[in-house]
Amino acid sequence: MSITNPNLIRCCARTLRSPSRPSTTATSLLTQHRRRVPARRCASTAAASSGNSKVAGIVDQISQLTLLETADLVSSLKSRLNIPDMQMGGFAAAAPAAPAPVEEEEAAPAAQAKTLFTLTLKSFEAAAKPKIIKEIKSMLGLSLVDSKKFVESAPKQMKEGVPKEECEKIVETMKALGGVVVME
């Protein structure tokens, strides 16, 4: 038998060490401890369900469902109550998802001139490699090792969603250093 509760182990050790108590076995101490300390989950559900018997009945029914039945229940409740799906993610989970754009709105940006560009480092002169690495390091905020790996893996995308003025400035800077950067 393995005992994982550290409080139970301490209680048993204390009880076995105390001279005032007659000799007891670990099994009897285990049963006494289980009777004395209610499980946390049971205690919390008992306190929550004591208020409303209808809710308590629903909770009991839900707790007996399988995983697949629970997933069906959740999807049914979402559809009936018009609850949108929430994306689960890491750090970006706090931001709500944007609504789907209307087709009319999609046609308008296509007619306008492109304002945001993607910059790609296509190639560079071998003699200018150290200068390009330093510029990439300062521009992208990478470490020296990461900047070196980035430059050596050219062609590679540098930045995405950059305004036209900033793109032109970066292209000119890299061109002066000996690198070839393309706006797409």
N, C-alpha and C. Protein backbone atom coordinates (compact mmCIF):
# COMPACT_ATOMS: atom_id res chain seq x y z
N MET A 1 0.86 -1.16 0.00
CA MET A 1 0.00 0.00 0.00
C MET A 1 0.90 1.23 0.00
N SER A 2 0.62 2.19 -0.88
CA SER A 2 1.40 3.42 -0.92
C SER A 2 0.56 4.56 -0.39
N ILE A 3 1.17 5.41 0.39
CA ILE A 3 0.48 6.56 0.97
C ILE A 3 1.12 7.81 0.38
N THR A 4 0.29 8.65 -0.27
CA THR A 4 0.83 9.82 -0.93
C THR A 4 0.53 11.12 -0.20
N ASN A 5 -0.38 11.11 0.72
CA ASN A 5 -0.74 12.33 1.43
C ASN A 5 0.28 12.61 2.54
N PRO A 6 1.06 13.71 2.43
CA PRO A 6 2.09 13.98 3.46
C PRO A 6 1.49 14.26 4.83
N ASN A 7 0.31 14.87 4.87
CA ASN A 7 -0.33 15.13 6.17
C ASN A 7 -0.69 13.83 6.87
N LEU A 8 -1.13 12.85 6.11
CA LEU A 8 -1.49 11.56 6.67
C LEU A 8 -0.25 10.87 7.23
N ILE A 9 0.84 10.98 6.50
CA ILE A 9 2.09 10.36 6.95
C ILE A 9 2.54 11.00 8.26
N ARG A 10 2.49 12.34 8.32
CA ARG A 10 2.88 13.03 9.55
C ARG A 10 1.97 12.64 10.72
N CYS A 11 0.68 12.55 10.45
CA CYS A 11 -0.29 12.18 11.49
C CYS A 11 0.00 10.77 12.01
N CYS A 12 0.28 9.86 11.10
CA CYS A 12 0.58 8.48 11.50
C CYS A 12 1.86 8.43 12.32
N ALA A 13 2.87 9.16 11.87
CA ALA A 13 4.15 9.16 12.59
C ALA A 13 3.98 9.75 13.98
N ARG A 14 3.23 10.84 14.10
CA ARG A 14 2.99 11.46 15.39
C ARG A 14 2.24 10.52 16.33
N THR A 15 1.25 9.84 15.76
CA THR A 15 0.43 8.94 16.56
C THR A 15 1.25 7.75 17.04
N LEU A 16 2.07 7.23 16.18
CA LEU A 16 2.88 6.07 16.56
C LEU A 16 3.95 6.44 17.58
N ARG A 17 4.44 7.68 17.54
CA ARG A 17 5.46 8.13 18.48
C ARG A 17 4.91 8.48 19.86
N SER A 18 3.64 8.88 19.91
CA SER A 18 3.10 9.36 21.19
C SER A 18 2.96 8.20 22.18
N PRO A 19 3.46 8.38 23.41
CA PRO A 19 3.41 7.30 24.40
C PRO A 19 2.03 7.16 25.05
N SER A 20 1.19 8.19 24.98
CA SER A 20 -0.10 8.14 25.67
C SER A 20 -1.11 7.25 24.96
N ARG A 21 -0.91 6.99 23.69
CA ARG A 21 -1.86 6.22 22.91
C ARG A 21 -1.41 4.76 22.87
N PRO A 22 -2.35 3.84 22.93
CA PRO A 22 -1.97 2.44 22.81
C PRO A 22 -1.48 2.15 21.39
N SER A 23 -0.81 1.08 21.19
CA SER A 23 -0.23 0.70 19.90
C SER A 23 -1.34 0.51 18.86
N THR A 24 -1.19 1.18 17.71
CA THR A 24 -2.15 1.06 16.62
C THR A 24 -1.42 0.74 15.34
N THR A 25 -2.13 0.22 14.39
CA THR A 25 -1.51 -0.11 13.11
C THR A 25 -1.70 1.04 12.14
N ALA A 26 -0.90 1.04 11.09
CA ALA A 26 -1.00 2.09 10.08
C ALA A 26 -2.32 2.02 9.35
N THR A 27 -2.85 0.83 9.16
CA THR A 27 -4.12 0.67 8.45
C THR A 27 -5.26 1.31 9.24
N SER A 28 -5.25 1.11 10.56
CA SER A 28 -6.33 1.71 11.36
C SER A 28 -6.21 3.23 11.37
N LEU A 29 -4.97 3.74 11.36
CA LEU A 29 -4.78 5.18 11.29
C LEU A 29 -5.26 5.73 9.96
N LEU A 30 -5.01 4.99 8.89
CA LEU A 30 -5.44 5.42 7.57
C LEU A 30 -6.96 5.52 7.50
N THR A 31 -7.66 4.53 8.04
CA THR A 31 -9.13 4.58 8.01
C THR A 31 -9.64 5.70 8.91
N GLN A 32 -8.99 5.93 10.05
CA GLN A 32 -9.41 7.03 10.92
C GLN A 32 -9.21 8.37 10.22
N HIS A 33 -8.09 8.53 9.53
CA HIS A 33 -7.81 9.79 8.84
C HIS A 33 -8.81 10.03 7.71
N ARG A 34 -9.14 8.99 6.99
CA ARG A 34 -10.10 9.15 5.89
C ARG A 34 -11.48 9.53 6.41
N ARG A 35 -11.85 8.98 7.55
CA ARG A 35 -13.15 9.32 8.12
C ARG A 35 -13.16 10.75 8.65
N ARG A 36 -12.02 11.18 9.19
CA ARG A 36 -11.94 12.49 9.82
C ARG A 36 -11.86 13.62 8.79
N VAL A 37 -11.08 13.45 7.69
CA VAL A 37 -10.84 14.50 6.72
C VAL A 37 -11.65 14.20 5.45
N PRO A 38 -12.70 14.97 5.18
CA PRO A 38 -13.46 14.72 3.95
C PRO A 38 -12.66 15.15 2.73
N ALA A 39 -12.95 14.55 1.62
CA ALA A 39 -12.27 14.91 0.38
C ALA A 39 -12.64 16.34 0.01
N ARG A 40 -11.70 17.08 -0.56
CA ARG A 40 -11.94 18.48 -0.89
C ARG A 40 -13.04 18.64 -1.93
N ARG A 41 -13.03 17.80 -2.93
CA ARG A 41 -14.03 17.92 -3.99
C ARG A 41 -15.42 17.66 -3.46
N CYS A 42 -15.54 16.63 -2.63
CA CYS A 42 -16.86 16.32 -2.06
C CYS A 42 -17.34 17.47 -1.18
N ALA A 43 -16.43 18.04 -0.40
CA ALA A 43 -16.82 19.13 0.49
C ALA A 43 -17.26 20.35 -0.31
N SER A 44 -16.56 20.66 -1.41
CA SER A 44 -16.91 21.84 -2.18
C SER A 44 -18.20 21.65 -2.94
N THR A 45 -18.45 20.46 -3.48
CA THR A 45 -19.70 20.23 -4.20
C THR A 45 -20.87 20.15 -3.24
N ALA A 46 -20.63 19.64 -2.05
CA ALA A 46 -21.72 19.57 -1.07
C ALA A 46 -22.13 20.97 -0.65
N ALA A 47 -21.16 21.86 -0.47
CA ALA A 47 -21.48 23.23 -0.08
C ALA A 47 -22.18 23.97 -1.20
N ALA A 48 -21.77 23.73 -2.44
CA ALA A 48 -22.38 24.42 -3.57
C ALA A 48 -23.77 23.90 -3.86
N SER A 49 -24.00 22.62 -3.66
CA SER A 49 -25.28 22.05 -4.04
C SER A 49 -26.33 22.16 -2.95
N SER A 50 -25.95 22.58 -1.75
CA SER A 50 -26.92 22.64 -0.67
C SER A 50 -27.97 23.74 -0.88
N GLY A 51 -27.70 24.70 -1.76
CA GLY A 51 -28.61 25.82 -1.96
C GLY A 51 -29.82 25.48 -2.80
N ASN A 52 -29.68 24.73 -3.87
CA ASN A 52 -30.78 24.50 -4.79
C ASN A 52 -30.77 23.04 -5.21
N SER A 53 -31.86 22.34 -4.94
CA SER A 53 -31.91 20.91 -5.26
C SER A 53 -31.99 20.67 -6.77
N LYS A 54 -32.59 21.59 -7.53
CA LYS A 54 -32.68 21.44 -8.98
C LYS A 54 -31.29 21.50 -9.61
N VAL A 55 -30.48 22.47 -9.16
CA VAL A 55 -29.11 22.61 -9.65
C VAL A 55 -28.29 21.39 -9.23
N ALA A 56 -28.51 20.92 -7.99
CA ALA A 56 -27.77 19.75 -7.51
C ALA A 56 -28.08 18.53 -8.37
N GLY A 57 -29.31 18.37 -8.78
CA GLY A 57 -29.68 17.25 -9.64
C GLY A 57 -29.00 17.34 -11.01
N ILE A 58 -28.95 18.56 -11.56
CA ILE A 58 -28.29 18.77 -12.86
C ILE A 58 -26.79 18.47 -12.73
N VAL A 59 -26.18 18.94 -11.65
CA VAL A 59 -24.75 18.69 -11.44
C VAL A 59 -24.48 17.20 -11.33
N ASP A 60 -25.34 16.49 -10.62
CA ASP A 60 -25.16 15.04 -10.49
C ASP A 60 -25.27 14.35 -11.85
N GLN A 61 -26.24 14.77 -12.67
CA GLN A 61 -26.41 14.18 -13.99
C GLN A 61 -25.21 14.47 -14.89
N ILE A 62 -24.71 15.71 -14.85
CA ILE A 62 -23.57 16.08 -15.69
C ILE A 62 -22.31 15.32 -15.25
N SER A 63 -22.14 15.15 -13.95
CA SER A 63 -20.94 14.47 -13.47
C SER A 63 -20.91 13.00 -13.87
N GLN A 64 -22.04 12.43 -14.24
CA GLN A 64 -22.09 11.03 -14.65
C GLN A 64 -21.93 10.85 -16.16
N LEU A 65 -21.83 11.96 -16.92
CA LEU A 65 -21.67 11.87 -18.37
C LEU A 65 -20.26 11.45 -18.75
N THR A 66 -20.16 10.80 -19.91
CA THR A 66 -18.84 10.47 -20.45
C THR A 66 -18.27 11.71 -21.12
N LEU A 67 -17.03 11.62 -21.56
CA LEU A 67 -16.37 12.75 -22.19
C LEU A 67 -17.06 13.14 -23.49
N LEU A 68 -17.44 12.18 -24.29
CA LEU A 68 -18.12 12.47 -25.56
C LEU A 68 -19.50 13.09 -25.32
N GLU A 69 -20.21 12.58 -24.33
CA GLU A 69 -21.51 13.15 -24.01
C GLU A 69 -21.38 14.58 -23.50
N THR A 70 -20.33 14.83 -22.74
CA THR A 70 -20.09 16.19 -22.24
C THR A 70 -19.77 17.14 -23.39
N ALA A 71 -18.99 16.68 -24.36
CA ALA A 71 -18.68 17.52 -25.52
C ALA A 71 -19.95 17.83 -26.32
N ASP A 72 -20.83 16.84 -26.48
CA ASP A 72 -22.11 17.07 -27.16
C ASP A 72 -22.97 18.06 -26.38
N LEU A 73 -22.96 17.94 -25.06
CA LEU A 73 -23.73 18.86 -24.22
C LEU A 73 -23.22 20.29 -24.38
N VAL A 74 -21.92 20.47 -24.38
CA VAL A 74 -21.34 21.81 -24.51
C VAL A 74 -21.69 22.41 -25.86
N SER A 75 -21.56 21.63 -26.94
CA SER A 75 -21.88 22.16 -28.27
C SER A 75 -23.37 22.48 -28.39
N SER A 76 -24.23 21.67 -27.79
CA SER A 76 -25.67 21.94 -27.82
C SER A 76 -26.00 23.23 -27.06
N LEU A 77 -25.38 23.40 -25.90
CA LEU A 77 -25.62 24.61 -25.12
C LEU A 77 -25.12 25.85 -25.85
N LYS A 78 -23.96 25.74 -26.49
CA LYS A 78 -23.43 26.88 -27.25
C LYS A 78 -24.36 27.27 -28.38
N SER A 79 -24.89 26.29 -29.10
CA SER A 79 -25.78 26.62 -30.22
C SER A 79 -27.12 27.15 -29.73
N ARG A 80 -27.66 26.59 -28.67
CA ARG A 80 -28.97 27.04 -28.17
C ARG A 80 -28.89 28.42 -27.53
N LEU A 81 -27.79 28.71 -26.84
CA LEU A 81 -27.65 29.98 -26.14
C LEU A 81 -26.89 31.02 -26.95
N ASN A 82 -26.55 30.71 -28.18
CA ASN A 82 -25.81 31.61 -29.08
C ASN A 82 -24.51 32.11 -28.45
N ILE A 83 -23.73 31.19 -27.93
CA ILE A 83 -22.43 31.52 -27.34
C ILE A 83 -21.37 31.27 -28.40
N PRO A 84 -20.55 32.29 -28.73
CA PRO A 84 -19.52 32.08 -29.76
C PRO A 84 -18.39 31.22 -29.22
N ASP A 85 -17.70 30.53 -30.14
CA ASP A 85 -16.55 29.73 -29.75
C ASP A 85 -15.41 30.65 -29.36
N MET A 86 -14.80 30.38 -28.25
CA MET A 86 -13.66 31.15 -27.78
C MET A 86 -12.40 30.39 -28.15
N GLN A 87 -11.44 31.09 -28.75
CA GLN A 87 -10.19 30.44 -29.10
C GLN A 87 -9.36 30.27 -27.85
N MET A 88 -8.82 29.07 -27.67
CA MET A 88 -7.96 28.80 -26.54
C MET A 88 -6.53 28.91 -27.04
N GLY A 89 -5.75 29.71 -26.36
CA GLY A 89 -4.38 29.87 -26.79
C GLY A 89 -3.49 30.29 -25.67
N GLY A 90 -2.27 30.59 -26.01
CA GLY A 90 -1.30 30.97 -25.01
C GLY A 90 -1.51 32.38 -24.53
N PHE A 91 -0.63 33.29 -24.94
CA PHE A 91 -0.66 34.65 -24.44
C PHE A 91 -1.70 35.52 -25.13
N ALA A 92 -2.11 35.16 -26.32
CA ALA A 92 -3.06 35.97 -27.07
C ALA A 92 -4.50 35.60 -26.75
N ALA A 93 -4.73 34.76 -25.76
CA ALA A 93 -6.08 34.31 -25.46
C ALA A 93 -6.95 35.43 -24.90
N ALA A 94 -6.37 36.48 -24.33
CA ALA A 94 -7.16 37.54 -23.73
C ALA A 94 -7.85 38.42 -24.77
N ALA A 95 -7.32 38.50 -25.96
CA ALA A 95 -7.91 39.33 -27.01
C ALA A 95 -9.07 38.60 -27.67
N PRO A 96 -10.24 39.24 -27.82
CA PRO A 96 -11.35 38.57 -28.48
C PRO A 96 -11.09 38.42 -29.97
N ALA A 97 -11.68 37.41 -30.54
CA ALA A 97 -11.50 37.16 -31.97
C ALA A 97 -12.29 38.20 -32.76
N ALA A 98 -11.72 38.65 -33.87
CA ALA A 98 -12.38 39.64 -34.72
C ALA A 98 -13.49 38.96 -35.51
N PRO A 99 -14.61 39.66 -35.75
CA PRO A 99 -15.68 39.05 -36.54
C PRO A 99 -15.24 38.86 -37.99
N ALA A 100 -15.88 37.92 -38.64
CA ALA A 100 -15.54 37.64 -40.04
C ALA A 100 -15.91 38.84 -40.91
N PRO A 101 -15.01 39.29 -41.80
CA PRO A 101 -15.29 40.45 -42.63
C PRO A 101 -16.34 40.13 -43.71
N VAL A 102 -17.08 41.13 -44.07
CA VAL A 102 -18.10 41.00 -45.10
C VAL A 102 -17.42 41.05 -46.46
N GLU A 103 -17.99 40.40 -47.47
CA GLU A 103 -17.38 40.34 -48.80
C GLU A 103 -17.22 41.72 -49.43
N GLU A 104 -18.13 42.62 -49.15
CA GLU A 104 -18.03 43.97 -49.71
C GLU A 104 -16.80 44.68 -49.17
N GLU A 105 -16.49 44.45 -47.90
CA GLU A 105 -15.32 45.07 -47.30
C GLU A 105 -14.03 44.48 -47.86
N GLU A 106 -14.06 43.22 -48.28
CA GLU A 106 -12.89 42.58 -48.84
C GLU A 106 -12.55 43.14 -50.22
N ALA A 107 -13.54 43.53 -50.97
CA ALA A 107 -13.31 44.04 -52.32
C ALA A 107 -12.68 45.44 -52.27
N ALA A 108 -13.01 46.22 -51.27
CA ALA A 108 -12.50 47.59 -51.17
C ALA A 108 -10.97 47.64 -51.00
N PRO A 109 -10.35 46.85 -50.10
CA PRO A 109 -8.90 46.93 -49.97
C PRO A 109 -8.16 46.48 -51.23
N ALA A 110 -8.73 45.58 -52.00
CA ALA A 110 -8.07 45.12 -53.22
C ALA A 110 -7.97 46.24 -54.24
N ALA A 111 -8.96 47.14 -54.24
CA ALA A 111 -8.95 48.24 -55.18
C ALA A 111 -7.95 49.33 -54.76
N GLN A 112 -7.70 49.46 -53.45
CA GLN A 112 -6.78 50.47 -52.96
C GLN A 112 -5.33 50.04 -53.20
N ALA A 113 -4.44 51.01 -53.14
CA ALA A 113 -3.01 50.70 -53.28
C ALA A 113 -2.53 49.99 -52.03
N LYS A 114 -1.56 49.10 -52.20
CA LYS A 114 -1.03 48.33 -51.09
C LYS A 114 -0.20 49.25 -50.19
N THR A 115 -0.48 49.21 -48.87
CA THR A 115 0.22 50.09 -47.94
C THR A 115 1.16 49.34 -47.02
N LEU A 116 0.92 48.06 -46.76
CA LEU A 116 1.76 47.27 -45.88
C LEU A 116 2.50 46.22 -46.72
N PHE A 117 3.78 46.07 -46.45
CA PHE A 117 4.61 45.19 -47.25
C PHE A 117 5.35 44.19 -46.37
N THR A 118 5.86 43.16 -47.03
CA THR A 118 6.71 42.17 -46.39
C THR A 118 8.11 42.33 -46.94
N LEU A 119 9.09 42.41 -46.06
CA LEU A 119 10.48 42.56 -46.48
C LEU A 119 11.18 41.21 -46.42
N THR A 120 11.91 40.89 -47.50
CA THR A 120 12.62 39.63 -47.59
C THR A 120 14.07 39.90 -47.95
N LEU A 121 14.98 39.35 -47.16
CA LEU A 121 16.41 39.44 -47.47
C LEU A 121 16.70 38.35 -48.50
N LYS A 122 17.00 38.78 -49.73
CA LYS A 122 17.24 37.82 -50.82
C LYS A 122 18.68 37.35 -50.86
N SER A 123 19.63 38.29 -50.83
CA SER A 123 21.04 37.92 -50.91
C SER A 123 21.88 39.06 -50.36
N PHE A 124 23.20 38.85 -50.31
CA PHE A 124 24.12 39.88 -49.82
C PHE A 124 25.50 39.57 -50.39
N GLU A 125 26.34 40.60 -50.39
CA GLU A 125 27.72 40.43 -50.83
C GLU A 125 28.50 39.76 -49.71
N ALA A 126 29.41 38.88 -50.07
CA ALA A 126 30.19 38.14 -49.06
C ALA A 126 31.02 39.08 -48.21
N ALA A 127 31.56 40.13 -48.80
CA ALA A 127 32.40 41.07 -48.05
C ALA A 127 31.57 41.89 -47.06
N ALA A 128 30.30 42.06 -47.33
CA ALA A 128 29.44 42.89 -46.50
C ALA A 128 28.70 42.09 -45.42
N LYS A 129 29.00 40.81 -45.30
CA LYS A 129 28.28 39.94 -44.37
C LYS A 129 28.32 40.45 -42.91
N PRO A 130 29.46 40.87 -42.36
CA PRO A 130 29.44 41.37 -40.97
C PRO A 130 28.56 42.59 -40.78
N LYS A 131 28.57 43.50 -41.75
CA LYS A 131 27.73 44.71 -41.65
C LYS A 131 26.25 44.34 -41.70
N ILE A 132 25.92 43.39 -42.58
CA ILE A 132 24.52 42.94 -42.72
C ILE A 132 24.08 42.28 -41.40
N ILE A 133 24.93 41.46 -40.82
CA ILE A 133 24.59 40.79 -39.56
C ILE A 133 24.33 41.82 -38.46
N LYS A 134 25.17 42.85 -38.36
CA LYS A 134 24.98 43.89 -37.35
C LYS A 134 23.68 44.66 -37.57
N GLU A 135 23.36 44.95 -38.82
CA GLU A 135 22.14 45.68 -39.13
C GLU A 135 20.91 44.83 -38.81
N ILE A 136 20.95 43.55 -39.17
CA ILE A 136 19.83 42.65 -38.86
C ILE A 136 19.67 42.53 -37.35
N LYS A 137 20.78 42.46 -36.64
CA LYS A 137 20.74 42.36 -35.17
C LYS A 137 20.04 43.57 -34.56
N SER A 138 20.38 44.75 -35.02
CA SER A 138 19.76 45.96 -34.46
C SER A 138 18.32 46.13 -34.94
N MET A 139 18.06 45.76 -36.18
CA MET A 139 16.73 45.95 -36.76
C MET A 139 15.70 44.99 -36.16
N LEU A 140 16.06 43.72 -36.02
CA LEU A 140 15.11 42.71 -35.56
C LEU A 140 15.22 42.40 -34.07
N GLY A 141 16.26 42.93 -33.41
CA GLY A 141 16.42 42.70 -31.98
C GLY A 141 16.85 41.28 -31.66
N LEU A 142 17.60 40.64 -32.55
CA LEU A 142 18.07 39.29 -32.34
C LEU A 142 19.45 39.31 -31.68
N SER A 143 19.85 38.17 -31.16
CA SER A 143 21.21 38.06 -30.63
C SER A 143 22.17 37.95 -31.81
N LEU A 144 23.45 38.08 -31.53
CA LEU A 144 24.44 38.03 -32.59
C LEU A 144 24.44 36.67 -33.29
N VAL A 145 24.32 35.61 -32.52
CA VAL A 145 24.30 34.26 -33.10
C VAL A 145 23.06 34.07 -33.97
N ASP A 146 21.90 34.50 -33.47
CA ASP A 146 20.66 34.37 -34.24
C ASP A 146 20.71 35.23 -35.50
N SER A 147 21.29 36.41 -35.40
CA SER A 147 21.42 37.28 -36.57
C SER A 147 22.30 36.64 -37.62
N LYS A 148 23.39 36.01 -37.20
CA LYS A 148 24.30 35.34 -38.14
C LYS A 148 23.57 34.19 -38.84
N LYS A 149 22.83 33.39 -38.07
CA LYS A 149 22.06 32.28 -38.66
C LYS A 149 21.01 32.80 -39.62
N PHE A 150 20.38 33.92 -39.25
CA PHE A 150 19.35 34.52 -40.10
C PHE A 150 19.94 34.94 -41.44
N VAL A 151 21.05 35.64 -41.41
CA VAL A 151 21.68 36.14 -42.64
C VAL A 151 22.17 34.98 -43.49
N GLU A 152 22.73 33.96 -42.87
CA GLU A 152 23.25 32.82 -43.62
C GLU A 152 22.14 31.98 -44.25
N SER A 153 20.93 32.09 -43.75
CA SER A 153 19.83 31.32 -44.32
C SER A 153 19.04 32.10 -45.37
N ALA A 154 19.64 33.18 -45.90
CA ALA A 154 18.97 33.98 -46.94
C ALA A 154 18.72 33.12 -48.16
N PRO A 155 17.65 33.29 -48.86
CA PRO A 155 16.58 34.29 -48.72
C PRO A 155 15.63 33.94 -47.57
N LYS A 156 15.32 34.98 -46.80
CA LYS A 156 14.46 34.80 -45.64
C LYS A 156 13.66 36.07 -45.37
N GLN A 157 12.43 35.87 -44.90
CA GLN A 157 11.54 36.99 -44.62
C GLN A 157 12.03 37.72 -43.38
N MET A 158 12.18 39.05 -43.49
CA MET A 158 12.68 39.86 -42.39
C MET A 158 11.55 40.40 -41.53
N LYS A 159 10.65 41.13 -42.15
CA LYS A 159 9.54 41.76 -41.44
C LYS A 159 8.27 41.60 -42.26
N GLU A 160 7.15 41.69 -41.56
CA GLU A 160 5.86 41.53 -42.21
C GLU A 160 4.95 42.66 -41.76
N GLY A 161 4.13 43.20 -42.68
CA GLY A 161 3.19 44.26 -42.34
C GLY A 161 3.87 45.58 -42.04
N VAL A 162 4.86 45.94 -42.84
CA VAL A 162 5.62 47.17 -42.62
C VAL A 162 5.10 48.26 -43.57
N PRO A 163 4.91 49.51 -43.10
CA PRO A 163 4.46 50.60 -43.97
C PRO A 163 5.48 50.88 -45.08
N LYS A 164 4.99 51.46 -46.16
CA LYS A 164 5.80 51.67 -47.36
C LYS A 164 7.02 52.54 -47.08
N GLU A 165 6.86 53.63 -46.32
CA GLU A 165 7.96 54.54 -46.06
C GLU A 165 9.10 53.83 -45.30
N GLU A 166 8.72 53.05 -44.29
CA GLU A 166 9.72 52.32 -43.52
C GLU A 166 10.40 51.24 -44.37
N CYS A 167 9.62 50.61 -45.25
CA CYS A 167 10.19 49.59 -46.16
C CYS A 167 11.25 50.20 -47.06
N GLU A 168 10.92 51.34 -47.63
CA GLU A 168 11.87 51.99 -48.54
C GLU A 168 13.15 52.38 -47.81
N LYS A 169 13.01 52.84 -46.57
CA LYS A 169 14.17 53.22 -45.77
C LYS A 169 15.06 52.00 -45.49
N ILE A 170 14.44 50.89 -45.14
CA ILE A 170 15.19 49.66 -44.85
C ILE A 170 15.87 49.13 -46.10
N VAL A 171 15.16 49.17 -47.24
CA VAL A 171 15.73 48.70 -48.50
C VAL A 171 16.96 49.52 -48.86
N GLU A 172 16.88 50.84 -48.71
CA GLU A 172 18.01 51.71 -49.02
C GLU A 172 19.19 51.45 -48.09
N THR A 173 18.92 51.26 -46.79
CA THR A 173 19.98 50.99 -45.83
C THR A 173 20.70 49.69 -46.17
N MET A 174 19.91 48.64 -46.44
CA MET A 174 20.51 47.35 -46.76
C MET A 174 21.25 47.39 -48.10
N LYS A 175 20.73 48.15 -49.04
CA LYS A 175 21.40 48.28 -50.35
C LYS A 175 22.75 48.97 -50.18
N ALA A 176 22.81 49.99 -49.31
CA ALA A 176 24.07 50.69 -49.06
C ALA A 176 25.09 49.78 -48.38
N LEU A 177 24.61 48.83 -47.58
CA LEU A 177 25.51 47.90 -46.90
C LEU A 177 25.96 46.75 -47.80
N GLY A 178 25.23 46.50 -48.88
CA GLY A 178 25.58 45.41 -49.79
C GLY A 178 24.60 44.25 -49.77
N GLY A 179 23.43 44.47 -49.25
CA GLY A 179 22.41 43.42 -49.22
C GLY A 179 21.29 43.73 -50.20
N VAL A 180 20.58 42.67 -50.61
CA VAL A 180 19.45 42.84 -51.51
C VAL A 180 18.18 42.46 -50.73
N VAL A 181 17.32 43.47 -50.52
CA VAL A 181 16.06 43.29 -49.82
C VAL A 181 14.93 43.63 -50.77
N VAL A 182 13.90 42.77 -50.79
CA VAL A 182 12.78 42.93 -51.70
C VAL A 182 11.51 43.23 -50.90
N MET A 183 10.72 44.20 -51.40
CA MET A 183 9.41 44.51 -50.82
C MET A 183 8.37 43.70 -51.57
N GLU A 184 7.55 42.99 -50.87
CA GLU A 184 6.48 42.20 -51.52
C GLU A 184 5.15 42.59 -50.98
